[in-house]
Each structure stands twice: as structure tokens, then as C-alpha cells.
Amino acid sequence: MRVMGNWREYQIRRLANDPEAAIDFLRMTLEEYLADGDLTFFLKEICVFIESQGGVPELSKRTGIDAETLSDTLFNEVTPRLDMLSTILKSFECQLSVEPMYCNTKT
């Protein structure tokens, strides 16, 4: 009988092996958070991404931020500070950006 893993484990493996998919996953996660404001979901998905990239120990090395501080930020369902989120994203060569939510069609 074939043993099935769970969805989270599958996502972690998939994102670990496909850097482009990992960035798309981050983008989608942020878009969903901006649309529905579900902080719990957002933080869980950010943690999936981080696990796929080596986990909190690797993130700590990349950012220079203490692993305990990162864990507190990511696992306590408290809104992360913008500078902390920006630092995490920069460590994966990503950035926050601002784009209009609508297209102005007036000429």
C-alpha cells in the first residue's frame, strides 16, 4: 500500500525543488492575504515557504535575525512588522511592492 503524505509536506517538497514556483507561491499568498485579511492563513503559508527553503535555522542565517525571534514572529499569529517581513523577503531575493488595485481607463 502506498503511503500518502499530507498537502503541506507535498507543498514544501514542491517549492524546495522549484524556485519559480516558490516565488509564485509567495505572490499568491500575499494576494490572498490582501484580499481576505486572513492573517492565520497568511502566516501558515509563509511558514510553508520558509520550511521549503531550509526552515527557520536557514532563514536565521540568511537574515542575521535570531531564530527564536523569527519563530516568535512567524508562529504567534501576531501581525509581523513590515520591516521584519521585508527582511525575510529580501533574504530570498524578493521585495514588497505596491501596485494599483484597479486600472484607470480614463484618457
C-alpha atoms as a PDB file:
ATOM      1  CA  MET A   1       0.000   0.000   0.000  1.00  0.00           C
ATOM      2  CA  ARG A   2       1.319   3.436  -0.940  1.00  0.00           C
ATOM      3  CA  VAL A   3       1.686   5.861   1.968  1.00  0.00           C
ATOM      4  CA  MET A   4       0.335   9.327   1.222  1.00  0.00           C
ATOM      5  CA  GLY A   5       1.872  12.446   2.745  1.00  0.00           C
ATOM      6  CA  ASN A   6      -0.135  15.483   3.645  1.00  0.00           C
ATOM      7  CA  TRP A   7      -0.636  18.552   1.485  1.00  0.00           C
ATOM      8  CA  ARG A   8       1.748  20.723   3.499  1.00  0.00           C
ATOM      9  CA  GLU A   9       4.590  18.221   3.079  1.00  0.00           C
ATOM     10  CA  TYR A  10       3.884  17.996  -0.648  1.00  0.00           C
ATOM     11  CA  GLN A  11       3.981  21.791  -0.986  1.00  0.00           C
ATOM     12  CA  ILE A  12       7.258  22.014   0.928  1.00  0.00           C
ATOM     13  CA  ARG A  13       8.900  19.423  -1.356  1.00  0.00           C
ATOM     14  CA  ARG A  14       7.494  21.054  -4.491  1.00  0.00           C
ATOM     15  CA  LEU A  15       8.627  24.559  -3.546  1.00  0.00           C
ATOM     16  CA  ALA A  16      12.056  23.337  -2.444  1.00  0.00           C
ATOM     17  CA  ASN A  17      12.686  21.963  -5.940  1.00  0.00           C
ATOM     18  CA  ASP A  18      11.230  24.815  -7.998  1.00  0.00           C
ATOM     19  CA  PRO A  19      12.410  28.361  -7.179  1.00  0.00           C
ATOM     20  CA  GLU A  20       9.998  29.954  -9.654  1.00  0.00           C
ATOM     21  CA  ALA A  21       7.048  28.099  -8.125  1.00  0.00           C
ATOM     22  CA  ALA A  22       8.226  29.210  -4.674  1.00  0.00           C
ATOM     23  CA  ILE A  23       8.137  32.883  -5.701  1.00  0.00           C
ATOM     24  CA  ASP A  24       4.725  32.418  -7.328  1.00  0.00           C
ATOM     25  CA  PHE A  25       3.530  30.767  -4.108  1.00  0.00           C
ATOM     26  CA  LEU A  26       4.693  33.798  -2.093  1.00  0.00           C
ATOM     27  CA  ARG A  27       2.972  36.152  -4.523  1.00  0.00           C
ATOM     28  CA  MET A  28      -0.299  34.201  -4.354  1.00  0.00           C
ATOM     29  CA  THR A  29      -0.135  34.018  -0.557  1.00  0.00           C
ATOM     30  CA  LEU A  30       0.269  37.785  -0.275  1.00  0.00           C
ATOM     31  CA  GLU A  31      -2.516  38.439  -2.790  1.00  0.00           C
ATOM     32  CA  GLU A  32      -4.893  36.193  -0.852  1.00  0.00           C
ATOM     33  CA  TYR A  33      -3.991  37.927   2.408  1.00  0.00           C
ATOM     34  CA  LEU A  34      -4.604  41.345   0.867  1.00  0.00           C
ATOM     35  CA  ALA A  35      -7.965  40.143  -0.479  1.00  0.00           C
ATOM     36  CA  ASP A  36      -9.334  38.490   2.656  1.00  0.00           C
ATOM     37  CA  GLY A  37      -7.134  39.681   5.554  1.00  0.00           C
ATOM     38  CA  ASP A  38      -6.797  36.148   6.961  1.00  0.00           C
ATOM     39  CA  LEU A  39      -3.591  36.559   8.972  1.00  0.00           C
ATOM     40  CA  THR A  40      -3.622  32.976  10.270  1.00  0.00           C
ATOM     41  CA  PHE A  41      -3.661  31.567   6.722  1.00  0.00           C
ATOM     42  CA  PHE A  42      -1.029  34.063   5.578  1.00  0.00           C
ATOM     43  CA  LEU A  43       1.414  33.135   8.346  1.00  0.00           C
ATOM     44  CA  LYS A  44       0.863  29.398   7.823  1.00  0.00           C
ATOM     45  CA  GLU A  45       1.619  29.722   4.125  1.00  0.00           C
ATOM     46  CA  ILE A  46       4.691  31.886   4.770  1.00  0.00           C
ATOM     47  CA  CYS A  47       5.880  29.122   7.102  1.00  0.00           C
ATOM     48  CA  VAL A  48       5.372  26.538   4.324  1.00  0.00           C
ATOM     49  CA  PHE A  49       7.563  28.678   2.074  1.00  0.00           C
ATOM     50  CA  ILE A  50      10.213  29.100   4.764  1.00  0.00           C
ATOM     51  CA  GLU A  51      10.244  25.359   5.501  1.00  0.00           C
ATOM     52  CA  SER A  52      10.727  24.676   1.789  1.00  0.00           C
ATOM     53  CA  GLN A  53      13.786  26.920   1.794  1.00  0.00           C
ATOM     54  CA  GLY A  54      15.545  25.291   4.767  1.00  0.00           C
ATOM     55  CA  GLY A  55      13.369  26.354   7.674  1.00  0.00           C
ATOM     56  CA  VAL A  56      13.885  28.890  10.432  1.00  0.00           C
ATOM     57  CA  PRO A  57      17.560  27.948  11.002  1.00  0.00           C
ATOM     58  CA  GLU A  58      18.385  28.737   7.361  1.00  0.00           C
ATOM     59  CA  LEU A  59      16.278  31.913   7.456  1.00  0.00           C
ATOM     60  CA  SER A  60      18.130  32.971  10.604  1.00  0.00           C
ATOM     61  CA  LYS A  61      21.467  32.566   8.787  1.00  0.00           C
ATOM     62  CA  ARG A  62      20.208  34.499   5.757  1.00  0.00           C
ATOM     63  CA  THR A  63      18.730  37.394   7.705  1.00  0.00           C
ATOM     64  CA  GLY A  64      21.016  37.595  10.719  1.00  0.00           C
ATOM     65  CA  ILE A  65      17.895  37.563  12.898  1.00  0.00           C
ATOM     66  CA  ASP A  66      17.879  35.274  15.924  1.00  0.00           C
ATOM     67  CA  ALA A  67      15.956  32.023  15.243  1.00  0.00           C
ATOM     68  CA  GLU A  68      13.845  32.497  18.383  1.00  0.00           C
ATOM     69  CA  THR A  69      12.786  35.976  17.255  1.00  0.00           C
ATOM     70  CA  LEU A  70      11.861  34.629  13.829  1.00  0.00           C
ATOM     71  CA  SER A  71       9.865  31.782  15.364  1.00  0.00           C
ATOM     72  CA  ASP A  72       8.023  34.193  17.658  1.00  0.00           C
ATOM     73  CA  THR A  73       7.217  36.406  14.686  1.00  0.00           C
ATOM     74  CA  LEU A  74       6.043  33.591  12.439  1.00  0.00           C
ATOM     75  CA  PHE A  75       4.239  31.245  14.815  1.00  0.00           C
ATOM     76  CA  ASN A  76       2.398  33.545  17.239  1.00  0.00           C
ATOM     77  CA  GLU A  77      -0.298  34.881  14.882  1.00  0.00           C
ATOM     78  CA  VAL A  78       0.759  38.437  15.582  1.00  0.00           C
ATOM     79  CA  THR A  79       0.994  40.729  12.606  1.00  0.00           C
ATOM     80  CA  PRO A  80       4.667  40.802  11.644  1.00  0.00           C
ATOM     81  CA  ARG A  81       6.244  44.217  11.472  1.00  0.00           C
ATOM     82  CA  LEU A  82       6.729  45.464   7.945  1.00  0.00           C
ATOM     83  CA  ASP A  83      10.495  45.727   8.370  1.00  0.00           C
ATOM     84  CA  MET A  84      10.678  42.102   9.565  1.00  0.00           C
ATOM     85  CA  LEU A  85       8.632  40.867   6.603  1.00  0.00           C
ATOM     86  CA  SER A  86      10.744  42.954   4.240  1.00  0.00           C
ATOM     87  CA  THR A  87      13.955  41.497   5.697  1.00  0.00           C
ATOM     88  CA  ILE A  88      12.639  37.952   5.318  1.00  0.00           C
ATOM     89  CA  LEU A  89      11.638  38.563   1.709  1.00  0.00           C
ATOM     90  CA  LYS A  90      14.968  40.226   0.872  1.00  0.00           C
ATOM     91  CA  SER A  91      16.808  37.175   2.167  1.00  0.00           C
ATOM     92  CA  PHE A  92      15.088  35.238  -0.643  1.00  0.00           C
ATOM     93  CA  GLU A  93      15.826  37.987  -3.168  1.00  0.00           C
ATOM     94  CA  CYS A  94      12.218  39.219  -3.144  1.00  0.00           C
ATOM     95  CA  GLN A  95      10.710  42.565  -2.237  1.00  0.00           C
ATOM     96  CA  LEU A  96       7.436  44.084  -1.237  1.00  0.00           C
ATOM     97  CA  SER A  97       5.839  46.219  -3.900  1.00  0.00           C
ATOM     98  CA  VAL A  98       2.856  48.485  -4.276  1.00  0.00           C
ATOM     99  CA  GLU A  99       0.619  48.223  -7.318  1.00  0.00           C
ATOM    100  CA  PRO A 100      -2.723  49.832  -8.084  1.00  0.00           C
ATOM    101  CA  MET A 101      -5.743  47.665  -7.357  1.00  0.00           C
ATOM    102  CA  TYR A 102      -7.547  48.895 -10.435  1.00  0.00           C
ATOM    103  CA  CYS A 103      -6.690  50.116 -13.881  1.00  0.00           C
ATOM    104  CA  ASN A 104      -7.631  53.708 -14.637  1.00  0.00           C
ATOM    105  CA  THR A 105      -9.064  53.654 -18.155  1.00  0.00           C
ATOM    106  CA  LYS A 106      -9.596  57.418 -18.447  1.00  0.00           C
ATOM    107  CA  THR A 107      -7.501  59.098 -21.095  1.00  0.00           C
END
